[in-house]
Amino acid sequence: MGLFKFVTNGFINFFGITQPTPQHERQAIWFITGLLVLIVLGAAVVFGVIVMAFGR
């Protein structure tokens, strides 16, 4: 959980989002980390489609 918390805190501090309360911290960790993972996977899929379509 340490890495997820580190990534979430970095995201929150970078974008100036209000810090979550201790009760909501775990939910925020999963939500923000999940969204970041989806964005990275989506970008990888788009990259793969472009390489397959225009490769060679």
N, C-alpha and C. Protein backbone atom coordinates (compact mmCIF):
# COMPACT_ATOMS: atom_id res chain seq x y z
N MET A 1 0.82 -1.19 0.00
CA MET A 1 0.00 0.00 0.00
C MET A 1 0.86 1.26 0.00
N GLY A 2 2.13 1.13 0.39
CA GLY A 2 3.01 2.29 0.47
C GLY A 2 3.23 2.96 -0.88
N LEU A 3 3.42 2.16 -1.93
CA LEU A 3 3.64 2.73 -3.26
C LEU A 3 2.38 3.43 -3.75
N PHE A 4 1.21 2.82 -3.55
CA PHE A 4 -0.04 3.44 -3.96
C PHE A 4 -0.28 4.75 -3.23
N LYS A 5 0.03 4.77 -1.94
CA LYS A 5 -0.15 5.99 -1.15
C LYS A 5 0.81 7.08 -1.63
N PHE A 6 2.04 6.69 -1.95
CA PHE A 6 3.03 7.64 -2.47
C PHE A 6 2.56 8.25 -3.79
N VAL A 7 2.07 7.42 -4.71
CA VAL A 7 1.59 7.90 -6.00
C VAL A 7 0.38 8.81 -5.81
N THR A 8 -0.54 8.41 -4.95
CA THR A 8 -1.73 9.21 -4.70
C THR A 8 -1.38 10.56 -4.08
N ASN A 9 -0.51 10.55 -3.09
CA ASN A 9 -0.11 11.82 -2.48
C ASN A 9 0.60 12.73 -3.48
N GLY A 10 1.43 12.16 -4.33
CA GLY A 10 2.07 12.95 -5.37
C GLY A 10 1.07 13.56 -6.33
N PHE A 11 0.07 12.79 -6.71
CA PHE A 11 -0.98 13.28 -7.61
C PHE A 11 -1.76 14.40 -6.94
N ILE A 12 -2.17 14.17 -5.69
CA ILE A 12 -2.95 15.17 -4.96
C ILE A 12 -2.16 16.46 -4.79
N ASN A 13 -0.90 16.36 -4.42
CA ASN A 13 -0.08 17.55 -4.21
C ASN A 13 0.24 18.26 -5.52
N PHE A 14 0.46 17.52 -6.59
CA PHE A 14 0.79 18.13 -7.88
C PHE A 14 -0.37 18.95 -8.41
N PHE A 15 -1.58 18.42 -8.30
CA PHE A 15 -2.75 19.11 -8.85
C PHE A 15 -3.45 19.99 -7.82
N GLY A 16 -2.96 20.05 -6.59
CA GLY A 16 -3.52 20.93 -5.59
C GLY A 16 -4.90 20.52 -5.10
N ILE A 17 -5.15 19.22 -5.09
CA ILE A 17 -6.44 18.70 -4.63
C ILE A 17 -6.42 18.68 -3.10
N THR A 18 -7.58 18.95 -2.51
CA THR A 18 -7.70 18.91 -1.05
C THR A 18 -7.38 17.50 -0.54
N GLN A 19 -6.58 17.43 0.50
CA GLN A 19 -6.21 16.14 1.09
C GLN A 19 -7.46 15.44 1.62
N PRO A 20 -7.60 14.13 1.37
CA PRO A 20 -8.76 13.42 1.90
C PRO A 20 -8.64 13.23 3.41
N THR A 21 -9.78 13.07 4.04
CA THR A 21 -9.79 12.79 5.48
C THR A 21 -9.22 11.39 5.70
N PRO A 22 -8.77 11.10 6.90
CA PRO A 22 -8.24 9.75 7.17
C PRO A 22 -9.25 8.65 6.86
N GLN A 23 -10.55 8.94 7.03
CA GLN A 23 -11.57 7.94 6.74
C GLN A 23 -11.70 7.66 5.24
N HIS A 24 -11.42 8.67 4.41
CA HIS A 24 -11.57 8.53 2.97
C HIS A 24 -10.25 8.29 2.24
N GLU A 25 -9.17 8.24 2.99
CA GLU A 25 -7.85 8.12 2.37
C GLU A 25 -7.70 6.81 1.57
N ARG A 26 -8.15 5.71 2.12
CA ARG A 26 -8.03 4.42 1.41
C ARG A 26 -8.85 4.42 0.13
N GLN A 27 -10.04 4.99 0.17
CA GLN A 27 -10.88 5.08 -1.02
C GLN A 27 -10.22 5.96 -2.08
N ALA A 28 -9.63 7.07 -1.65
CA ALA A 28 -8.94 7.96 -2.59
C ALA A 28 -7.73 7.28 -3.21
N ILE A 29 -7.01 6.50 -2.41
CA ILE A 29 -5.84 5.78 -2.93
C ILE A 29 -6.24 4.85 -4.06
N TRP A 30 -7.29 4.05 -3.84
CA TRP A 30 -7.72 3.10 -4.87
C TRP A 30 -8.30 3.82 -6.09
N PHE A 31 -9.05 4.88 -5.88
CA PHE A 31 -9.68 5.60 -6.98
C PHE A 31 -8.64 6.26 -7.88
N ILE A 32 -7.73 7.02 -7.30
CA ILE A 32 -6.73 7.75 -8.09
C ILE A 32 -5.76 6.78 -8.75
N THR A 33 -5.29 5.78 -8.03
CA THR A 33 -4.38 4.80 -8.62
C THR A 33 -5.06 4.02 -9.73
N GLY A 34 -6.32 3.66 -9.54
CA GLY A 34 -7.07 2.95 -10.58
C GLY A 34 -7.23 3.78 -11.84
N LEU A 35 -7.55 5.06 -11.68
CA LEU A 35 -7.67 5.92 -12.85
C LEU A 35 -6.34 6.08 -13.58
N LEU A 36 -5.27 6.24 -12.82
CA LEU A 36 -3.95 6.37 -13.47
C LEU A 36 -3.57 5.10 -14.22
N VAL A 37 -3.88 3.94 -13.66
CA VAL A 37 -3.60 2.67 -14.34
C VAL A 37 -4.42 2.57 -15.62
N LEU A 38 -5.69 2.95 -15.56
CA LEU A 38 -6.54 2.92 -16.77
C LEU A 38 -6.01 3.85 -17.85
N ILE A 39 -5.54 5.02 -17.47
CA ILE A 39 -4.99 5.96 -18.45
C ILE A 39 -3.74 5.38 -19.11
N VAL A 40 -2.85 4.79 -18.31
CA VAL A 40 -1.62 4.21 -18.86
C VAL A 40 -1.96 3.04 -19.79
N LEU A 41 -2.88 2.17 -19.37
CA LEU A 41 -3.28 1.04 -20.23
C LEU A 41 -3.95 1.52 -21.51
N GLY A 42 -4.79 2.53 -21.40
CA GLY A 42 -5.44 3.09 -22.60
C GLY A 42 -4.42 3.66 -23.57
N ALA A 43 -3.44 4.38 -23.06
CA ALA A 43 -2.39 4.93 -23.92
C ALA A 43 -1.59 3.81 -24.58
N ALA A 44 -1.33 2.73 -23.85
CA ALA A 44 -0.59 1.60 -24.42
C ALA A 44 -1.40 0.93 -25.53
N VAL A 45 -2.69 0.80 -25.34
CA VAL A 45 -3.55 0.20 -26.37
C VAL A 45 -3.56 1.09 -27.62
N VAL A 46 -3.72 2.39 -27.44
CA VAL A 46 -3.71 3.31 -28.59
C VAL A 46 -2.38 3.24 -29.30
N PHE A 47 -1.29 3.21 -28.56
CA PHE A 47 0.04 3.10 -29.16
C PHE A 47 0.16 1.79 -29.95
N GLY A 48 -0.31 0.69 -29.35
CA GLY A 48 -0.25 -0.59 -30.03
C GLY A 48 -1.06 -0.61 -31.32
N VAL A 49 -2.24 -0.02 -31.30
CA VAL A 49 -3.07 0.04 -32.51
C VAL A 49 -2.39 0.86 -33.59
N ILE A 50 -1.80 1.98 -33.21
CA ILE A 50 -1.11 2.82 -34.19
C ILE A 50 0.09 2.08 -34.78
N VAL A 51 0.85 1.39 -33.95
CA VAL A 51 2.01 0.65 -34.44
C VAL A 51 1.56 -0.48 -35.37
N MET A 52 0.49 -1.18 -35.02
CA MET A 52 -0.01 -2.26 -35.87
C MET A 52 -0.56 -1.72 -37.20
N ALA A 53 -1.23 -0.57 -37.14
CA ALA A 53 -1.84 -0.02 -38.35
C ALA A 53 -0.80 0.58 -39.29
N PHE A 54 0.17 1.30 -38.74
CA PHE A 54 1.09 2.02 -39.58
C PHE A 54 2.52 1.49 -39.53
N GLY A 55 2.71 0.37 -38.88
CA GLY A 55 4.06 -0.22 -38.76
C GLY A 55 4.57 -0.72 -40.09
N ARG A 56 5.85 -0.93 -40.12
CA ARG A 56 6.57 -1.44 -41.29
C ARG A 56 6.87 -0.35 -42.21
